[in-house]
Amino acid sequence: MRPVAVFCADIGSIARSRFGWAGGIVGGHLRSGDSIGDLAIEVSKTLSADIPTALGLECPLFVPVDLDPHRLTSSRHGEGGRAWCAGAGAGALATGLSQTVWILRAIRATVPEGIPAFLSWSRFRAAGHGLLIWEAFVTGSIERTHVGDAEAAVREFMRALPNPERANAVTADTVHSLAGAALLRTGWSTDLNLLAQRCLVLKASPI
């Protein structure tokens, strides 16, 4: 596959300075900052240059919809003690609902028509271009920065190349995809199958 650009946003309150991002082309210098607008601009630049671009978001991007109602709030496989619907996960999910849509809308408004978006690494790799959405799951010390979390996730994705599917850390059997819903909402796709599709989840620890 051609050189890939990898970005990640640490989802959080912008008003309270709890948002950070990092990213760049594999093998190159990482850029970073705390502006959600700057993140959208940087991702738009790589996509407009026809560089395959993987954008991670540090918030739950799919939730389980088990047939057993008693398991609807259970952890996804691989989450361990940090269930998607409890504590920090619930807060990140709620904030991510709006920030994910904002980011995807801002990117799409400034890139050429026809750039595809994916939740599947294999389809993204086969296409050789476009936007891949993935979930970052950052763990570690509470003494972390938001940019640091984003950088750790980006470096983990880059380390997992050329096949990050082998490093996928979280799954669920049947899901509702919040990432898929955001892609539909912002016009990146009309494929309703995205609503039931998982994305890659990579775990990382801040440096």
C-alpha atoms as a PDB file:
ATOM      1  CA  MET A   1       0.000   0.000   0.000  1.00  0.00           C
ATOM      2  CA  ARG A   2       1.093   3.587  -0.620  1.00  0.00           C
ATOM      3  CA  PRO A   3       2.320   5.776   2.277  1.00  0.00           C
ATOM      4  CA  VAL A   4      -0.410   6.364   4.823  1.00  0.00           C
ATOM      5  CA  ALA A   5      -1.201   9.378   7.002  1.00  0.00           C
ATOM      6  CA  VAL A   6      -2.412   8.630  10.527  1.00  0.00           C
ATOM      7  CA  PHE A   7      -4.227  11.079  12.793  1.00  0.00           C
ATOM      8  CA  CYS A   8      -6.011  10.815  16.120  1.00  0.00           C
ATOM      9  CA  ALA A   9      -8.239  13.113  18.152  1.00  0.00           C
ATOM     10  CA  ASP A  10      -8.449  12.846  21.930  1.00  0.00           C
ATOM     11  CA  ILE A  11     -12.133  13.626  22.322  1.00  0.00           C
ATOM     12  CA  GLY A  12     -13.053  16.011  25.132  1.00  0.00           C
ATOM     13  CA  SER A  13     -14.509  19.380  26.051  1.00  0.00           C
ATOM     14  CA  ILE A  14     -13.084  22.092  23.829  1.00  0.00           C
ATOM     15  CA  ALA A  15     -14.368  24.820  26.145  1.00  0.00           C
ATOM     16  CA  ARG A  16     -12.389  23.264  29.016  1.00  0.00           C
ATOM     17  CA  SER A  17      -9.237  22.651  26.936  1.00  0.00           C
ATOM     18  CA  ARG A  18      -9.659  18.872  27.000  1.00  0.00           C
ATOM     19  CA  PHE A  19      -9.292  18.253  23.277  1.00  0.00           C
ATOM     20  CA  GLY A  20      -6.032  17.341  21.571  1.00  0.00           C
ATOM     21  CA  TRP A  21      -4.884  15.831  18.317  1.00  0.00           C
ATOM     22  CA  ALA A  22      -1.766  14.533  16.603  1.00  0.00           C
ATOM     23  CA  GLY A  23      -0.852  12.996  13.277  1.00  0.00           C
ATOM     24  CA  GLY A  24       1.200  12.924  10.142  1.00  0.00           C
ATOM     25  CA  ILE A  25       2.472  10.724   7.342  1.00  0.00           C
ATOM     26  CA  VAL A  26       4.082   7.460   8.425  1.00  0.00           C
ATOM     27  CA  GLY A  27       7.822   8.006   8.680  1.00  0.00           C
ATOM     28  CA  GLY A  28       7.476  11.768   8.843  1.00  0.00           C
ATOM     29  CA  HIS A  29       7.162  14.401  11.547  1.00  0.00           C
ATOM     30  CA  LEU A  30       4.071  14.329  13.752  1.00  0.00           C
ATOM     31  CA  ARG A  31       2.064  17.515  14.034  1.00  0.00           C
ATOM     32  CA  SER A  32      -0.202  18.174  16.997  1.00  0.00           C
ATOM     33  CA  GLY A  33      -2.390  20.775  18.639  1.00  0.00           C
ATOM     34  CA  ASP A  34      -5.555  21.501  20.574  1.00  0.00           C
ATOM     35  CA  SER A  35      -7.721  22.988  17.799  1.00  0.00           C
ATOM     36  CA  ILE A  36     -10.437  20.784  16.328  1.00  0.00           C
ATOM     37  CA  GLY A  37     -10.439  23.030  13.264  1.00  0.00           C
ATOM     38  CA  ASP A  38      -6.722  22.550  12.710  1.00  0.00           C
ATOM     39  CA  LEU A  39      -7.191  18.778  12.873  1.00  0.00           C
ATOM     40  CA  ALA A  40      -9.848  18.933  10.159  1.00  0.00           C
ATOM     41  CA  ILE A  41      -7.547  21.096   8.012  1.00  0.00           C
ATOM     42  CA  GLU A  42      -4.584  18.729   8.363  1.00  0.00           C
ATOM     43  CA  VAL A  43      -6.671  15.655   7.513  1.00  0.00           C
ATOM     44  CA  SER A  44      -8.178  17.501   4.547  1.00  0.00           C
ATOM     45  CA  LYS A  45      -4.679  18.313   3.266  1.00  0.00           C
ATOM     46  CA  THR A  46      -3.583  14.669   3.160  1.00  0.00           C
ATOM     47  CA  LEU A  47      -6.839  13.488   1.606  1.00  0.00           C
ATOM     48  CA  SER A  48      -6.695  16.271  -1.005  1.00  0.00           C
ATOM     49  CA  ALA A  49      -3.151  15.151  -1.830  1.00  0.00           C
ATOM     50  CA  ASP A  50      -4.563  11.648  -2.468  1.00  0.00           C
ATOM     51  CA  ILE A  51      -2.752  10.181   0.553  1.00  0.00           C
ATOM     52  CA  PRO A  52      -4.676   7.346   2.244  1.00  0.00           C
ATOM     53  CA  THR A  53      -5.579   8.710   5.675  1.00  0.00           C
ATOM     54  CA  ALA A  54      -6.546   6.890   8.889  1.00  0.00           C
ATOM     55  CA  LEU A  55      -8.345   9.063  11.450  1.00  0.00           C
ATOM     56  CA  GLY A  56      -8.706   7.751  14.982  1.00  0.00           C
ATOM     57  CA  LEU A  57     -11.045   9.069  17.660  1.00  0.00           C
ATOM     58  CA  GLU A  58     -10.556   8.350  21.343  1.00  0.00           C
ATOM     59  CA  CYS A  59     -14.149   7.529  22.204  1.00  0.00           C
ATOM     60  CA  PRO A  60     -16.368   4.447  21.733  1.00  0.00           C
ATOM     61  CA  LEU A  61     -17.275   4.249  18.042  1.00  0.00           C
ATOM     62  CA  PHE A  62     -19.527   1.197  18.226  1.00  0.00           C
ATOM     63  CA  VAL A  63     -21.677  -0.253  20.996  1.00  0.00           C
ATOM     64  CA  PRO A  64     -22.940  -3.814  21.483  1.00  0.00           C
ATOM     65  CA  VAL A  65     -26.610  -4.612  20.842  1.00  0.00           C
ATOM     66  CA  ASP A  66     -26.779  -8.109  22.308  1.00  0.00           C
ATOM     67  CA  LEU A  67     -29.991 -10.098  21.904  1.00  0.00           C
ATOM     68  CA  ASP A  68     -29.914 -10.698  25.662  1.00  0.00           C
ATOM     69  CA  PRO A  69     -31.201  -7.448  27.252  1.00  0.00           C
ATOM     70  CA  HIS A  70     -29.220  -8.176  30.412  1.00  0.00           C
ATOM     71  CA  ARG A  71     -26.002  -7.771  28.397  1.00  0.00           C
ATOM     72  CA  LEU A  72     -26.808  -4.495  26.660  1.00  0.00           C
ATOM     73  CA  THR A  73     -24.492  -2.563  28.985  1.00  0.00           C
ATOM     74  CA  SER A  74     -21.793  -5.238  29.193  1.00  0.00           C
ATOM     75  CA  SER A  75     -18.219  -4.485  28.215  1.00  0.00           C
ATOM     76  CA  ARG A  76     -17.162  -5.085  24.657  1.00  0.00           C
ATOM     77  CA  HIS A  77     -14.751  -8.014  24.284  1.00  0.00           C
ATOM     78  CA  GLY A  78     -11.315  -6.695  25.208  1.00  0.00           C
ATOM     79  CA  GLU A  79     -12.372  -3.650  27.211  1.00  0.00           C
ATOM     80  CA  GLY A  80     -11.656  -5.295  30.538  1.00  0.00           C
ATOM     81  CA  GLY A  81     -12.742  -3.103  33.424  1.00  0.00           C
ATOM     82  CA  ARG A  82     -13.313   0.004  31.285  1.00  0.00           C
ATOM     83  CA  ALA A  83     -16.774  -0.592  29.864  1.00  0.00           C
ATOM     84  CA  TRP A  84     -17.906   1.699  27.067  1.00  0.00           C
ATOM     85  CA  CYS A  85     -20.965   2.838  29.056  1.00  0.00           C
ATOM     86  CA  ALA A  86     -19.331   3.518  32.430  1.00  0.00           C
ATOM     87  CA  GLY A  87     -17.328   6.438  33.800  1.00  0.00           C
ATOM     88  CA  ALA A  88     -14.931   8.010  31.333  1.00  0.00           C
ATOM     89  CA  GLY A  89     -16.190   5.835  28.481  1.00  0.00           C
ATOM     90  CA  ALA A  90     -19.723   7.190  28.774  1.00  0.00           C
ATOM     91  CA  GLY A  91     -18.496  10.776  28.889  1.00  0.00           C
ATOM     92  CA  ALA A  92     -16.233  10.317  25.877  1.00  0.00           C
ATOM     93  CA  LEU A  93     -19.025   8.599  23.956  1.00  0.00           C
ATOM     94  CA  ALA A  94     -21.446  11.463  24.589  1.00  0.00           C
ATOM     95  CA  THR A  95     -18.916  14.126  23.618  1.00  0.00           C
ATOM     96  CA  GLY A  96     -17.778  12.088  20.638  1.00  0.00           C
ATOM     97  CA  LEU A  97     -21.285  11.936  19.204  1.00  0.00           C
ATOM     98  CA  SER A  98     -21.127  15.607  18.304  1.00  0.00           C
ATOM     99  CA  GLN A  99     -17.388  16.064  17.791  1.00  0.00           C
ATOM    100  CA  THR A 100     -17.122  13.137  15.378  1.00  0.00           C
ATOM    101  CA  VAL A 101     -19.873  14.614  13.207  1.00  0.00           C
ATOM    102  CA  TRP A 102     -18.261  18.073  13.358  1.00  0.00           C
ATOM    103  CA  ILE A 103     -14.862  16.744  12.290  1.00  0.00           C
ATOM    104  CA  LEU A 104     -16.207  14.598   9.461  1.00  0.00           C
ATOM    105  CA  ARG A 105     -18.426  17.401   8.182  1.00  0.00           C
ATOM    106  CA  ALA A 106     -15.549  19.904   8.253  1.00  0.00           C
ATOM    107  CA  ILE A 107     -13.239  17.537   6.386  1.00  0.00           C
ATOM    108  CA  ARG A 108     -15.789  16.638   3.736  1.00  0.00           C
ATOM    109  CA  ALA A 109     -16.543  20.299   3.062  1.00  0.00           C
ATOM    110  CA  THR A 110     -12.959  20.923   1.924  1.00  0.00           C
ATOM    111  CA  VAL A 111     -11.908  17.781   0.035  1.00  0.00           C
ATOM    112  CA  PRO A 112     -12.609  16.814  -3.588  1.00  0.00           C
ATOM    113  CA  GLU A 113     -15.845  14.977  -4.310  1.00  0.00           C
ATOM    114  CA  GLY A 114     -15.755  11.211  -4.495  1.00  0.00           C
ATOM    115  CA  ILE A 115     -13.217  10.439  -1.770  1.00  0.00           C
ATOM    116  CA  PRO A 116     -14.463   7.251  -0.080  1.00  0.00           C
ATOM    117  CA  ALA A 117     -14.649   6.573   3.643  1.00  0.00           C
ATOM    118  CA  PHE A 118     -14.234   3.207   5.344  1.00  0.00           C
ATOM    119  CA  LEU A 119     -14.595   1.435   8.673  1.00  0.00           C
ATOM    120  CA  SER A 120     -12.880  -1.693   7.303  1.00  0.00           C
ATOM    121  CA  TRP A 121      -9.084  -1.794   7.064  1.00  0.00           C
ATOM    122  CA  SER A 122      -9.169  -4.460   4.339  1.00  0.00           C
ATOM    123  CA  ARG A 123     -11.458  -2.365   2.138  1.00  0.00           C
ATOM    124  CA  PHE A 124      -9.416   0.760   2.794  1.00  0.00           C
ATOM    125  CA  ARG A 125      -6.204  -1.065   1.896  1.00  0.00           C
ATOM    126  CA  ALA A 126      -7.751  -2.545  -1.262  1.00  0.00           C
ATOM    127  CA  ALA A 127      -8.992   0.873  -2.385  1.00  0.00           C
ATOM    128  CA  GLY A 128      -5.554   2.427  -1.862  1.00  0.00           C
ATOM    129  CA  HIS A 129      -7.005   5.837  -1.014  1.00  0.00           C
ATOM    130  CA  GLY A 130      -9.685   7.506   1.061  1.00  0.00           C
ATOM    131  CA  LEU A 131     -10.453   7.936   4.756  1.00  0.00           C
ATOM    132  CA  LEU A 132     -10.410   5.170   7.368  1.00  0.00           C
ATOM    133  CA  ILE A 133     -12.105   5.752  10.734  1.00  0.00           C
ATOM    134  CA  TRP A 134     -10.724   3.841  13.740  1.00  0.00           C
ATOM    135  CA  GLU A 135     -11.092   3.961  17.503  1.00  0.00           C
ATOM    136  CA  ALA A 136      -8.270   4.766  19.906  1.00  0.00           C
ATOM    137  CA  PHE A 137      -8.331   3.211  23.380  1.00  0.00           C
ATOM    138  CA  VAL A 138      -5.694   4.894  25.517  1.00  0.00           C
ATOM    139  CA  THR A 139      -4.817   3.549  28.950  1.00  0.00           C
ATOM    140  CA  GLY A 140      -2.231   4.404  31.580  1.00  0.00           C
ATOM    141  CA  SER A 141      -1.369   6.996  34.187  1.00  0.00           C
ATOM    142  CA  ILE A 142      -3.850   9.730  35.081  1.00  0.00           C
ATOM    143  CA  GLU A 143      -1.010  12.238  34.598  1.00  0.00           C
ATOM    144  CA  ARG A 144      -1.588  12.528  30.866  1.00  0.00           C
ATOM    145  CA  THR A 145      -2.059  15.290  28.330  1.00  0.00           C
ATOM    146  CA  HIS A 146      -4.676  15.269  25.617  1.00  0.00           C
ATOM    147  CA  VAL A 147      -2.099  15.772  22.875  1.00  0.00           C
ATOM    148  CA  GLY A 148       0.010  13.045  24.502  1.00  0.00           C
ATOM    149  CA  ASP A 149      -2.886  10.600  24.343  1.00  0.00           C
ATOM    150  CA  ALA A 150      -3.413  11.384  20.673  1.00  0.00           C
ATOM    151  CA  GLU A 151       0.293  10.975  19.910  1.00  0.00           C
ATOM    152  CA  ALA A 152       0.408   7.626  21.726  1.00  0.00           C
ATOM    153  CA  ALA A 153      -2.540   6.354  19.697  1.00  0.00           C
ATOM    154  CA  VAL A 154      -1.020   7.518  16.403  1.00  0.00           C
ATOM    155  CA  ARG A 155       2.302   5.843  17.182  1.00  0.00           C
ATOM    156  CA  GLU A 156       0.528   2.626  18.147  1.00  0.00           C
ATOM    157  CA  PHE A 157      -1.354   2.569  14.839  1.00  0.00           C
ATOM    158  CA  MET A 158       1.873   3.203  12.941  1.00  0.00           C
ATOM    159  CA  ARG A 159       3.634   0.393  14.840  1.00  0.00           C
ATOM    160  CA  ALA A 160       0.799  -1.957  13.913  1.00  0.00           C
ATOM    161  CA  LEU A 161       1.279  -1.392  10.197  1.00  0.00           C
ATOM    162  CA  PRO A 162       1.247  -2.981   7.664  1.00  0.00           C
ATOM    163  CA  ASN A 163      -1.648  -4.943   9.171  1.00  0.00           C
ATOM    164  CA  PRO A 164      -3.291  -3.180  12.126  1.00  0.00           C
ATOM    165  CA  GLU A 165      -6.082  -5.760  12.117  1.00  0.00           C
ATOM    166  CA  ARG A 166      -3.675  -8.053  13.981  1.00  0.00           C
ATOM    167  CA  ALA A 167      -3.523  -5.493  16.790  1.00  0.00           C
ATOM    168  CA  ASN A 168      -7.286  -4.986  17.022  1.00  0.00           C
ATOM    169  CA  ALA A 169      -8.075  -5.024  20.748  1.00  0.00           C
ATOM    170  CA  VAL A 170     -11.856  -4.674  21.131  1.00  0.00           C
ATOM    171  CA  THR A 171     -14.748  -6.442  19.422  1.00  0.00           C
ATOM    172  CA  ALA A 172     -18.449  -7.159  19.869  1.00  0.00           C
ATOM    173  CA  ASP A 173     -20.655  -9.711  18.172  1.00  0.00           C
ATOM    174  CA  THR A 174     -23.528  -7.476  17.051  1.00  0.00           C
ATOM    175  CA  VAL A 175     -23.112  -3.714  17.094  1.00  0.00           C
ATOM    176  CA  HIS A 176     -24.594  -0.316  16.408  1.00  0.00           C
ATOM    177  CA  SER A 177     -21.882   1.778  14.789  1.00  0.00           C
ATOM    178  CA  LEU A 178     -21.713   5.371  15.939  1.00  0.00           C
ATOM    179  CA  ALA A 179     -18.917   5.945  13.417  1.00  0.00           C
ATOM    180  CA  GLY A 180     -21.089   4.540  10.644  1.00  0.00           C
ATOM    181  CA  ALA A 181     -23.957   6.806  11.683  1.00  0.00           C
ATOM    182  CA  ALA A 182     -21.617   9.811  11.596  1.00  0.00           C
ATOM    183  CA  LEU A 183     -20.406   8.927   8.090  1.00  0.00           C
ATOM    184  CA  LEU A 184     -24.009   8.695   6.911  1.00  0.00           C
ATOM    185  CA  ARG A 185     -24.988  11.922   8.671  1.00  0.00           C
ATOM    186  CA  THR A 186     -22.156  13.875   7.044  1.00  0.00           C
ATOM    187  CA  GLY A 187     -22.654  12.506   3.540  1.00  0.00           C
ATOM    188  CA  TRP A 188     -19.502  10.398   3.239  1.00  0.00           C
ATOM    189  CA  SER A 189     -21.609   7.336   2.406  1.00  0.00           C
ATOM    190  CA  THR A 190     -25.151   6.156   1.787  1.00  0.00           C
ATOM    191  CA  ASP A 191     -24.406   2.540   2.727  1.00  0.00           C
ATOM    192  CA  LEU A 192     -26.706   1.621   5.621  1.00  0.00           C
ATOM    193  CA  ASN A 193     -24.611  -1.483   6.287  1.00  0.00           C
ATOM    194  CA  LEU A 194     -22.142   0.849   8.017  1.00  0.00           C
ATOM    195  CA  LEU A 195     -24.586   1.059  10.929  1.00  0.00           C
ATOM    196  CA  ALA A 196     -23.817  -2.560  11.826  1.00  0.00           C
ATOM    197  CA  GLN A 197     -20.078  -2.503  11.140  1.00  0.00           C
ATOM    198  CA  ARG A 198     -17.291  -2.493  13.718  1.00  0.00           C
ATOM    199  CA  CYS A 199     -14.105  -0.528  13.235  1.00  0.00           C
ATOM    200  CA  LEU A 200     -10.525  -1.170  14.321  1.00  0.00           C
ATOM    201  CA  VAL A 201      -9.784  -0.460  17.983  1.00  0.00           C
ATOM    202  CA  LEU A 202      -6.144  -0.026  18.966  1.00  0.00           C
ATOM    203  CA  LYS A 203      -5.018   0.179  22.584  1.00  0.00           C
ATOM    204  CA  ALA A 204      -2.121   2.445  23.488  1.00  0.00           C
ATOM    205  CA  SER A 205      -0.382   3.829  26.546  1.00  0.00           C
ATOM    206  CA  PRO A 206       1.010   7.384  26.718  1.00  0.00           C
ATOM    207  CA  ILE A 207       4.787   7.668  26.389  1.00  0.00           C
END
